[in-house]
């Protein structure tokens, strides 16, 4: 069993990581909803925000950098496909 101090530290880190992961999921979900709704001006801002949050999560080690790159790519592709479909 870990010492009490290690357990407290681990719990703090776990709580912080859970909040950051939840924020990442929320930002990505919001961007996807806006893209699918066809609100391009708002969607572009949301996608940029999502990409920024994914980069931050990757830097902090919450998700692997390739995972972040894949998600960013899929998000950008979805936005670009919607843009080209509306033109």
PDB file of N, CA and C in Angstrom:
ATOM      1  N   UNK A   1       0.838  -1.193   0.000  1.00  0.00           N
ATOM      2  CA  UNK A   1       0.000   0.000   0.000  1.00  0.00           C
ATOM      3  C   UNK A   1       0.876   1.247   0.000  1.00  0.00           C
ATOM      4  N   UNK A   2       0.443   2.260  -0.729  1.00  0.00           N
ATOM      5  CA  UNK A   2       1.240   3.490  -0.744  1.00  0.00           C
ATOM      6  C   UNK A   2       1.117   4.230   0.584  1.00  0.00           C
ATOM      7  N   UNK A   3       2.089   5.066   0.827  1.00  0.00           N
ATOM      8  CA  UNK A   3       2.027   5.855   2.055  1.00  0.00           C
ATOM      9  C   UNK A   3       0.877   6.855   1.951  1.00  0.00           C
ATOM     10  N   UNK A   4       0.508   7.433   3.081  1.00  0.00           N
ATOM     11  CA  UNK A   4      -0.607   8.379   3.080  1.00  0.00           C
ATOM     12  C   UNK A   4      -0.313   9.588   2.204  1.00  0.00           C
ATOM     13  N   UNK A   5       0.918  10.071   2.269  1.00  0.00           N
ATOM     14  CA  UNK A   5       1.294  11.244   1.492  1.00  0.00           C
ATOM     15  C   UNK A   5       1.211  10.940  -0.013  1.00  0.00           C
ATOM     16  N   UNK A   6       1.690   9.779  -0.419  1.00  0.00           N
ATOM     17  CA  UNK A   6       1.628   9.383  -1.825  1.00  0.00           C
ATOM     18  C   UNK A   6       0.180   9.227  -2.276  1.00  0.00           C
ATOM     19  N   UNK A   7      -0.659   8.678  -1.407  1.00  0.00           N
ATOM     20  CA  UNK A   7      -2.068   8.497  -1.744  1.00  0.00           C
ATOM     21  C   UNK A   7      -2.749   9.842  -1.940  1.00  0.00           C
ATOM     22  N   UNK A   8      -2.453  10.809  -1.061  1.00  0.00           N
ATOM     23  CA  UNK A   8      -3.041  12.151  -1.188  1.00  0.00           C
ATOM     24  C   UNK A   8      -2.589  12.804  -2.486  1.00  0.00           C
ATOM     25  N   UNK A   9      -1.310  12.691  -2.768  1.00  0.00           N
ATOM     26  CA  UNK A   9      -0.751  13.279  -3.979  1.00  0.00           C
ATOM     27  C   UNK A   9      -1.375  12.654  -5.224  1.00  0.00           C
ATOM     28  N   UNK A  10      -1.500  11.350  -5.219  1.00  0.00           N
ATOM     29  CA  UNK A  10      -2.095  10.641  -6.357  1.00  0.00           C
ATOM     30  C   UNK A  10      -3.542  11.060  -6.561  1.00  0.00           C
ATOM     31  N   UNK A  11      -4.274  11.230  -5.480  1.00  0.00           N
ATOM     32  CA  UNK A  11      -5.672  11.643  -5.572  1.00  0.00           C
ATOM     33  C   UNK A  11      -5.788  13.047  -6.157  1.00  0.00           C
ATOM     34  N   UNK A  12      -4.910  13.954  -5.730  1.00  0.00           N
ATOM     35  CA  UNK A  12      -4.912  15.319  -6.274  1.00  0.00           C
ATOM     36  C   UNK A  12      -4.655  15.290  -7.780  1.00  0.00           C
ATOM     37  N   UNK A  13      -3.656  14.512  -8.185  1.00  0.00           N
ATOM     38  CA  UNK A  13      -3.319  14.423  -9.606  1.00  0.00           C
ATOM     39  C   UNK A  13      -4.471  13.794 -10.391  1.00  0.00           C
ATOM     40  N   UNK A  14      -5.098  12.773  -9.815  1.00  0.00           N
ATOM     41  CA  UNK A  14      -6.214  12.101 -10.472  1.00  0.00           C
ATOM     42  C   UNK A  14      -7.375  13.067 -10.675  1.00  0.00           C
ATOM     43  N   UNK A  15      -7.692  13.847  -9.653  1.00  0.00           N
ATOM     44  CA  UNK A  15      -8.784  14.815  -9.756  1.00  0.00           C
ATOM     45  C   UNK A  15      -8.496  15.863 -10.832  1.00  0.00           C
ATOM     46  N   UNK A  16      -7.261  16.351 -10.842  1.00  0.00           N
ATOM     47  CA  UNK A  16      -6.881  17.363 -11.832  1.00  0.00           C
ATOM     48  C   UNK A  16      -6.962  16.783 -13.247  1.00  0.00           C
ATOM     49  N   UNK A  17      -6.492  15.562 -13.422  1.00  0.00           N
ATOM     50  CA  UNK A  17      -6.521  14.928 -14.740  1.00  0.00           C
ATOM     51  C   UNK A  17      -7.948  14.663 -15.201  1.00  0.00           C
ATOM     52  N   UNK A  18      -8.819  14.248 -14.282  1.00  0.00           N
ATOM     53  CA  UNK A  18     -10.212  13.994 -14.648  1.00  0.00           C
ATOM     54  C   UNK A  18     -10.885  15.266 -15.134  1.00  0.00           C
ATOM     55  N   UNK A  19     -10.650  16.379 -14.435  1.00  0.00           N
ATOM     56  CA  UNK A  19     -11.248  17.655 -14.854  1.00  0.00           C
ATOM     57  C   UNK A  19     -10.727  18.069 -16.224  1.00  0.00           C
ATOM     58  N   UNK A  20      -9.429  17.891 -16.451  1.00  0.00           N
ATOM     59  CA  UNK A  20      -8.841  18.283 -17.728  1.00  0.00           C
ATOM     60  C   UNK A  20      -9.368  17.405 -18.863  1.00  0.00           C
ATOM     61  N   UNK A  21      -9.504  16.094 -18.617  1.00  0.00           N
ATOM     62  CA  UNK A  21     -10.037  15.201 -19.641  1.00  0.00           C
ATOM     63  C   UNK A  21     -11.485  15.548 -19.963  1.00  0.00           C
ATOM     64  N   UNK A  22     -12.253  15.860 -18.932  1.00  0.00           N
ATOM     65  CA  UNK A  22     -13.658  16.226 -19.135  1.00  0.00           C
ATOM     66  C   UNK A  22     -13.750  17.509 -19.967  1.00  0.00           C
ATOM     67  N   UNK A  23     -12.893  18.471 -19.675  1.00  0.00           N
ATOM     68  CA  UNK A  23     -12.895  19.724 -20.442  1.00  0.00           C
ATOM     69  C   UNK A  23     -12.529  19.464 -21.900  1.00  0.00           C
ATOM     70  N   UNK A  24     -11.599  18.551 -22.119  1.00  0.00           N
ATOM     71  CA  UNK A  24     -11.199  18.207 -23.483  1.00  0.00           C
ATOM     72  C   UNK A  24     -12.366  17.581 -24.238  1.00  0.00           C
ATOM     73  N   UNK A  25     -13.031  16.619 -23.597  1.00  0.00           N
ATOM     74  CA  UNK A  25     -14.176  15.961 -24.238  1.00  0.00           C
ATOM     75  C   UNK A  25     -15.291  16.954 -24.530  1.00  0.00           C
ATOM     76  N   UNK A  26     -15.533  17.868 -23.608  1.00  0.00           N
ATOM     77  CA  UNK A  26     -16.585  18.858 -23.775  1.00  0.00           C
ATOM     78  C   UNK A  26     -16.283  19.759 -24.970  1.00  0.00           C
ATOM     79  N   UNK A  27     -15.039  20.228 -25.063  1.00  0.00           N
ATOM     80  CA  UNK A  27     -14.656  21.124 -26.155  1.00  0.00           C
ATOM     81  C   UNK A  27     -14.779  20.432 -27.503  1.00  0.00           C
ATOM     82  N   UNK A  28     -14.349  19.179 -27.583  1.00  0.00           N
ATOM     83  CA  UNK A  28     -14.421  18.434 -28.842  1.00  0.00           C
ATOM     84  C   UNK A  28     -15.884  18.177 -29.212  1.00  0.00           C
ATOM     85  N   UNK A  29     -16.682  17.779 -28.241  1.00  0.00           N
ATOM     86  CA  UNK A  29     -18.101  17.521 -28.502  1.00  0.00           C
ATOM     87  C   UNK A  29     -18.831  18.758 -28.974  1.00  0.00           C
ATOM     88  N   UNK A  30     -18.521  19.893 -28.357  1.00  0.00           N
ATOM     89  CA  UNK A  30     -19.137  21.161 -28.751  1.00  0.00           C
ATOM     90  C   UNK A  30     -18.770  21.501 -30.197  1.00  0.00           C
ATOM     91  N   UNK A  31     -17.505  21.317 -30.538  1.00  0.00           N
ATOM     92  CA  UNK A  31     -17.046  21.617 -31.902  1.00  0.00           C
ATOM     93  C   UNK A  31     -17.739  20.709 -32.913  1.00  0.00           C
ATOM     94  N   UNK A  32     -17.855  19.427 -32.603  1.00  0.00           N
ATOM     95  CA  UNK A  32     -18.491  18.485 -33.519  1.00  0.00           C
ATOM     96  C   UNK A  32     -19.962  18.840 -33.726  1.00  0.00           C
ATOM     97  N   UNK A  33     -20.653  19.186 -32.641  1.00  0.00           N
ATOM     98  CA  UNK A  33     -22.066  19.570 -32.752  1.00  0.00           C
ATOM     99  C   UNK A  33     -22.243  20.775 -33.655  1.00  0.00           C
ATOM    100  N   UNK A  34     -21.385  21.774 -33.489  1.00  0.00           N
ATOM    101  CA  UNK A  34     -21.492  22.984 -34.298  1.00  0.00           C
ATOM    102  C   UNK A  34     -21.191  22.701 -35.759  1.00  0.00           C
ATOM    103  N   UNK A  35     -20.212  21.849 -36.020  1.00  0.00           N
ATOM    104  CA  UNK A  35     -19.877  21.498 -37.405  1.00  0.00           C
ATOM    105  C   UNK A  35     -21.045  20.769 -38.045  1.00  0.00           C
ATOM    106  N   UNK A  36     -21.626  19.816 -37.322  1.00  0.00           N
ATOM    107  CA  UNK A  36     -22.745  19.052 -37.868  1.00  0.00           C
ATOM    108  C   UNK A  36     -23.986  19.912 -38.062  1.00  0.00           C
ATOM    109  N   UNK A  37     -24.136  20.946 -37.220  1.00  0.00           N
ATOM    110  CA  UNK A  37     -25.281  21.848 -37.356  1.00  0.00           C
ATOM    111  C   UNK A  37     -25.085  22.811 -38.524  1.00  0.00           C
ATOM    112  N   UNK A  38     -23.862  22.921 -39.017  1.00  0.00           N
ATOM    113  CA  UNK A  38     -23.589  23.778 -40.167  1.00  0.00           C
ATOM    114  C   UNK A  38     -23.325  25.225 -39.803  1.00  0.00           C
ATOM    115  N   UNK A  39     -23.117  25.521 -38.539  1.00  0.00           N
ATOM    116  CA  UNK A  39     -22.809  26.886 -38.099  1.00  0.00           C
ATOM    117  C   UNK A  39     -21.305  27.110 -38.229  1.00  0.00           C
ATOM    118  N   UNK A  40     -20.886  27.458 -39.440  1.00  0.00           N
ATOM    119  CA  UNK A  40     -19.453  27.457 -39.745  1.00  0.00           C
ATOM    120  C   UNK A  40     -18.649  28.507 -38.981  1.00  0.00           C
ATOM    121  N   UNK A  41     -19.186  29.714 -38.826  1.00  0.00           N
ATOM    122  CA  UNK A  41     -18.415  30.761 -38.143  1.00  0.00           C
ATOM    123  C   UNK A  41     -18.129  30.352 -36.698  1.00  0.00           C
ATOM    124  N   UNK A  42     -19.159  29.903 -36.024  1.00  0.00           N
ATOM    125  CA  UNK A  42     -19.003  29.473 -34.635  1.00  0.00           C
ATOM    126  C   UNK A  42     -18.183  28.190 -34.562  1.00  0.00           C
ATOM    127  N   UNK A  43     -18.382  27.307 -35.531  1.00  0.00           N
ATOM    128  CA  UNK A  43     -17.682  26.025 -35.537  1.00  0.00           C
ATOM    129  C   UNK A  43     -16.177  26.221 -35.692  1.00  0.00           C
ATOM    130  N   UNK A  44     -15.771  27.180 -36.520  1.00  0.00           N
ATOM    131  CA  UNK A  44     -14.342  27.419 -36.712  1.00  0.00           C
ATOM    132  C   UNK A  44     -13.674  27.825 -35.403  1.00  0.00           C
ATOM    133  N   UNK A  45     -14.349  28.669 -34.645  1.00  0.00           N
ATOM    134  CA  UNK A  45     -13.806  29.095 -33.351  1.00  0.00           C
ATOM    135  C   UNK A  45     -13.755  27.906 -32.395  1.00  0.00           C
ATOM    136  N   UNK A  46     -14.813  27.102 -32.380  1.00  0.00           N
ATOM    137  CA  UNK A  46     -14.873  25.949 -31.489  1.00  0.00           C
ATOM    138  C   UNK A  46     -13.811  24.914 -31.857  1.00  0.00           C
ATOM    139  N   UNK A  47     -13.583  24.705 -33.150  1.00  0.00           N
ATOM    140  CA  UNK A  47     -12.557  23.748 -33.589  1.00  0.00           C
ATOM    141  C   UNK A  47     -11.168  24.245 -33.177  1.00  0.00           C
ATOM    142  N   UNK A  48     -10.922  25.535 -33.357  1.00  0.00           N
ATOM    143  CA  UNK A  48      -9.632  26.094 -32.946  1.00  0.00           C
ATOM    144  C   UNK A  48      -9.430  25.928 -31.439  1.00  0.00           C
ATOM    145  N   UNK A  49     -10.497  26.143 -30.681  1.00  0.00           N
ATOM    146  CA  UNK A  49     -10.430  25.973 -29.231  1.00  0.00           C
ATOM    147  C   UNK A  49     -10.172  24.507 -28.882  1.00  0.00           C
ATOM    148  N   UNK A  50     -10.865  23.605 -29.577  1.00  0.00           N
ATOM    149  CA  UNK A  50     -10.666  22.177 -29.344  1.00  0.00           C
ATOM    150  C   UNK A  50      -9.245  21.744 -29.640  1.00  0.00           C
ATOM    151  N   UNK A  51      -8.689  22.250 -30.717  1.00  0.00           N
ATOM    152  CA  UNK A  51      -7.312  21.915 -31.086  1.00  0.00           C
ATOM    153  C   UNK A  51      -6.342  22.432 -30.026  1.00  0.00           C
ATOM    154  N   UNK A  52      -6.598  23.631 -29.538  1.00  0.00           N
ATOM    155  CA  UNK A  52      -5.739  24.210 -28.503  1.00  0.00           C
ATOM    156  C   UNK A  52      -5.792  23.357 -27.229  1.00  0.00           C
ATOM    157  N   UNK A  53      -6.986  22.936 -26.857  1.00  0.00           N
ATOM    158  CA  UNK A  53      -7.145  22.128 -25.647  1.00  0.00           C
ATOM    159  C   UNK A  53      -6.503  20.756 -25.822  1.00  0.00           C
ATOM    160  N   UNK A  54      -6.623  20.165 -27.021  1.00  0.00           N
ATOM    161  CA  UNK A  54      -5.965  18.878 -27.271  1.00  0.00           C
ATOM    162  C   UNK A  54      -4.450  19.010 -27.176  1.00  0.00           C
ATOM    163  N   UNK A  55      -3.913  20.102 -27.715  1.00  0.00           N
ATOM    164  CA  UNK A  55      -2.469  20.329 -27.617  1.00  0.00           C
ATOM    165  C   UNK A  55      -2.035  20.437 -26.161  1.00  0.00           C
ATOM    166  N   UNK A  56      -2.839  21.138 -25.387  1.00  0.00           N
ATOM    167  CA  UNK A  56      -2.512  21.316 -23.970  1.00  0.00           C
ATOM    168  C   UNK A  56      -2.566  19.975 -23.236  1.00  0.00           C
ATOM    169  N   UNK A  57      -3.583  19.167 -23.536  1.00  0.00           N
ATOM    170  CA  UNK A  57      -3.710  17.852 -22.895  1.00  0.00           C
ATOM    171  C   UNK A  57      -2.535  16.956 -23.270  1.00  0.00           C
ATOM    172  N   UNK A  58      -2.114  17.056 -24.508  1.00  0.00           N
ATOM    173  CA  UNK A  58      -0.978  16.263 -24.965  1.00  0.00           C
ATOM    174  C   UNK A  58       0.304  16.702 -24.265  1.00  0.00           C
ATOM    175  N   UNK A  59       0.489  17.997 -24.139  1.00  0.00           N
ATOM    176  CA  UNK A  59       1.681  18.529 -23.477  1.00  0.00           C
ATOM    177  C   UNK A  59       1.749  18.094 -22.027  1.00  0.00           C
ATOM    178  N   UNK A  60       0.592  18.073 -21.367  1.00  0.00           N
ATOM    179  CA  UNK A  60       0.553  17.697 -19.958  1.00  0.00           C
ATOM    180  C   UNK A  60       0.591  16.194 -19.744  1.00  0.00           C
ATOM    181  N   UNK A  61       0.529  15.426 -20.833  1.00  0.00           N
ATOM    182  CA  UNK A  61       0.614  13.980 -20.712  1.00  0.00           C
ATOM    183  C   UNK A  61      -0.713  13.310 -20.414  1.00  0.00           C
ATOM    184  N   UNK A  62      -1.815  14.018 -20.574  1.00  0.00           N
ATOM    185  CA  UNK A  62      -3.129  13.422 -20.336  1.00  0.00           C
ATOM    186  C   UNK A  62      -3.478  12.427 -21.423  1.00  0.00           C
ATOM    187  N   UNK A  63      -3.115  12.774 -22.657  1.00  0.00           N
ATOM    188  CA  UNK A  63      -3.318  11.858 -23.783  1.00  0.00           C
ATOM    189  C   UNK A  63      -2.018  11.801 -24.570  1.00  0.00           C
ATOM    190  N   UNK A  64      -1.838  10.731 -25.284  1.00  0.00           N
ATOM    191  CA  UNK A  64      -0.629  10.554 -26.098  1.00  0.00           C
ATOM    192  C   UNK A  64      -0.636  11.559 -27.242  1.00  0.00           C
ATOM    193  N   UNK A  65       0.543  11.990 -27.661  1.00  0.00           N
ATOM    194  CA  UNK A  65       0.611  13.021 -28.706  1.00  0.00           C
ATOM    195  C   UNK A  65       0.025  12.537 -30.027  1.00  0.00           C
ATOM    196  N   UNK A  66       0.168  11.247 -30.335  1.00  0.00           N
ATOM    197  CA  UNK A  66      -0.424  10.734 -31.573  1.00  0.00           C
ATOM    198  C   UNK A  66      -1.945  10.709 -31.475  1.00  0.00           C
ATOM    199  N   UNK A  67      -2.464  10.437 -30.289  1.00  0.00           N
ATOM    200  CA  UNK A  67      -3.911  10.461 -30.055  1.00  0.00           C
ATOM    201  C   UNK A  67      -4.423  11.881 -30.281  1.00  0.00           C
ATOM    202  N   UNK A  68      -3.714  12.870 -29.749  1.00  0.00           N
ATOM    203  CA  UNK A  68      -4.108  14.261 -29.933  1.00  0.00           C
ATOM    204  C   UNK A  68      -4.049  14.631 -31.415  1.00  0.00           C
ATOM    205  N   UNK A  69      -3.006  14.207 -32.098  1.00  0.00           N
ATOM    206  CA  UNK A  69      -2.858  14.530 -33.520  1.00  0.00           C
ATOM    207  C   UNK A  69      -3.988  13.904 -34.337  1.00  0.00           C
ATOM    208  N   UNK A  70      -4.348  12.674 -33.998  1.00  0.00           N
ATOM    209  CA  UNK A  70      -5.432  11.997 -34.714  1.00  0.00           C
ATOM    210  C   UNK A  70      -6.754  12.725 -34.504  1.00  0.00           C
ATOM    211  N   UNK A  71      -7.039  13.106 -33.279  1.00  0.00           N
ATOM    212  CA  UNK A  71      -8.295  13.800 -32.978  1.00  0.00           C
ATOM    213  C   UNK A  71      -8.359  15.156 -33.659  1.00  0.00           C
ATOM    214  N   UNK A  72      -7.228  15.884 -33.659  1.00  0.00           N
ATOM    215  CA  UNK A  72      -7.182  17.187 -34.317  1.00  0.00           C
ATOM    216  C   UNK A  72      -7.417  17.035 -35.808  1.00  0.00           C
ATOM    217  N   UNK A  73      -6.808  16.021 -36.399  1.00  0.00           N
ATOM    218  CA  UNK A  73      -6.956  15.780 -37.822  1.00  0.00           C
ATOM    219  C   UNK A  73      -8.406  15.463 -38.178  1.00  0.00           C
ATOM    220  N   UNK A  74      -9.028  14.602 -37.410  1.00  0.00           N
ATOM    221  CA  UNK A  74     -10.414  14.223 -37.673  1.00  0.00           C
ATOM    222  C   UNK A  74     -11.349  15.410 -37.515  1.00  0.00           C
ATOM    223  N   UNK A  75     -11.072  16.244 -36.530  1.00  0.00           N
ATOM    224  CA  UNK A  75     -11.895  17.425 -36.301  1.00  0.00           C
ATOM    225  C   UNK A  75     -11.754  18.409 -37.466  1.00  0.00           C
ATOM    226  N   UNK A  76     -10.532  18.645 -37.904  1.00  0.00           N
ATOM    227  CA  UNK A  76     -10.281  19.558 -39.026  1.00  0.00           C
ATOM    228  C   UNK A  76     -10.899  19.005 -40.312  1.00  0.00           C
ATOM    229  N   UNK A  77     -10.767  17.690 -40.530  1.00  0.00           N
ATOM    230  CA  UNK A  77     -11.350  17.084 -41.728  1.00  0.00           C
ATOM    231  C   UNK A  77     -12.865  17.234 -41.741  1.00  0.00           C
ATOM    232  N   UNK A  78     -13.478  17.063 -40.577  1.00  0.00           N
ATOM    233  CA  UNK A  78     -14.933  17.193 -40.483  1.00  0.00           C
ATOM    234  C   UNK A  78     -15.363  18.620 -40.804  1.00  0.00           C
ATOM    235  N   UNK A  79     -14.625  19.596 -40.287  1.00  0.00           N
ATOM    236  CA  UNK A  79     -14.940  21.000 -40.558  1.00  0.00           C
ATOM    237  C   UNK A  79     -14.750  21.313 -42.043  1.00  0.00           C
ATOM    238  N   UNK A  80     -13.647  20.858 -42.623  1.00  0.00           N
ATOM    239  CA  UNK A  80     -13.362  21.153 -44.029  1.00  0.00           C
ATOM    240  C   UNK A  80     -14.372  20.474 -44.951  1.00  0.00           C
ATOM    241  N   UNK A  81     -14.816  19.272 -44.622  1.00  0.00           N
ATOM    242  CA  UNK A  81     -15.809  18.581 -45.432  1.00  0.00           C
ATOM    243  C   UNK A  81     -17.133  19.342 -45.402  1.00  0.00           C
ATOM    244  N   UNK A  82     -17.489  19.848 -44.240  1.00  0.00           N
ATOM    245  CA  UNK A  82     -18.731  20.614 -44.124  1.00  0.00           C
ATOM    246  C   UNK A  82     -18.630  21.910 -44.908  1.00  0.00           C
ATOM    247  N   UNK A  83     -17.471  22.562 -44.827  1.00  0.00           N
ATOM    248  CA  UNK A  83     -17.262  23.787 -45.592  1.00  0.00           C
ATOM    249  C   UNK A  83     -17.398  23.562 -47.087  1.00  0.00           C
ATOM    250  N   UNK A  84     -16.743  22.511 -47.582  1.00  0.00           N
ATOM    251  CA  UNK A  84     -16.774  22.246 -49.020  1.00  0.00           C
ATOM    252  C   UNK A  84     -18.158  21.803 -49.475  1.00  0.00           C
ATOM    253  N   UNK A  85     -18.921  21.147 -48.604  1.00  0.00           N
ATOM    254  CA  UNK A  85     -20.264  20.726 -48.961  1.00  0.00           C
ATOM    255  C   UNK A  85     -21.206  21.910 -49.067  1.00  0.00           C
ATOM    256  N   UNK A  86     -20.954  22.942 -48.275  1.00  0.00           N
ATOM    257  CA  UNK A  86     -21.837  24.102 -48.305  1.00  0.00           C
ATOM    258  C   UNK A  86     -21.503  25.067 -49.439  1.00  0.00           C
ATOM    259  N   UNK A  87     -20.331  24.935 -50.013  1.00  0.00           N
ATOM    260  CA  UNK A  87     -19.943  25.832 -51.129  1.00  0.00           C
ATOM    261  C   UNK A  87     -20.586  25.457 -52.433  1.00  0.00           C
TER     262      UNK A  87
END
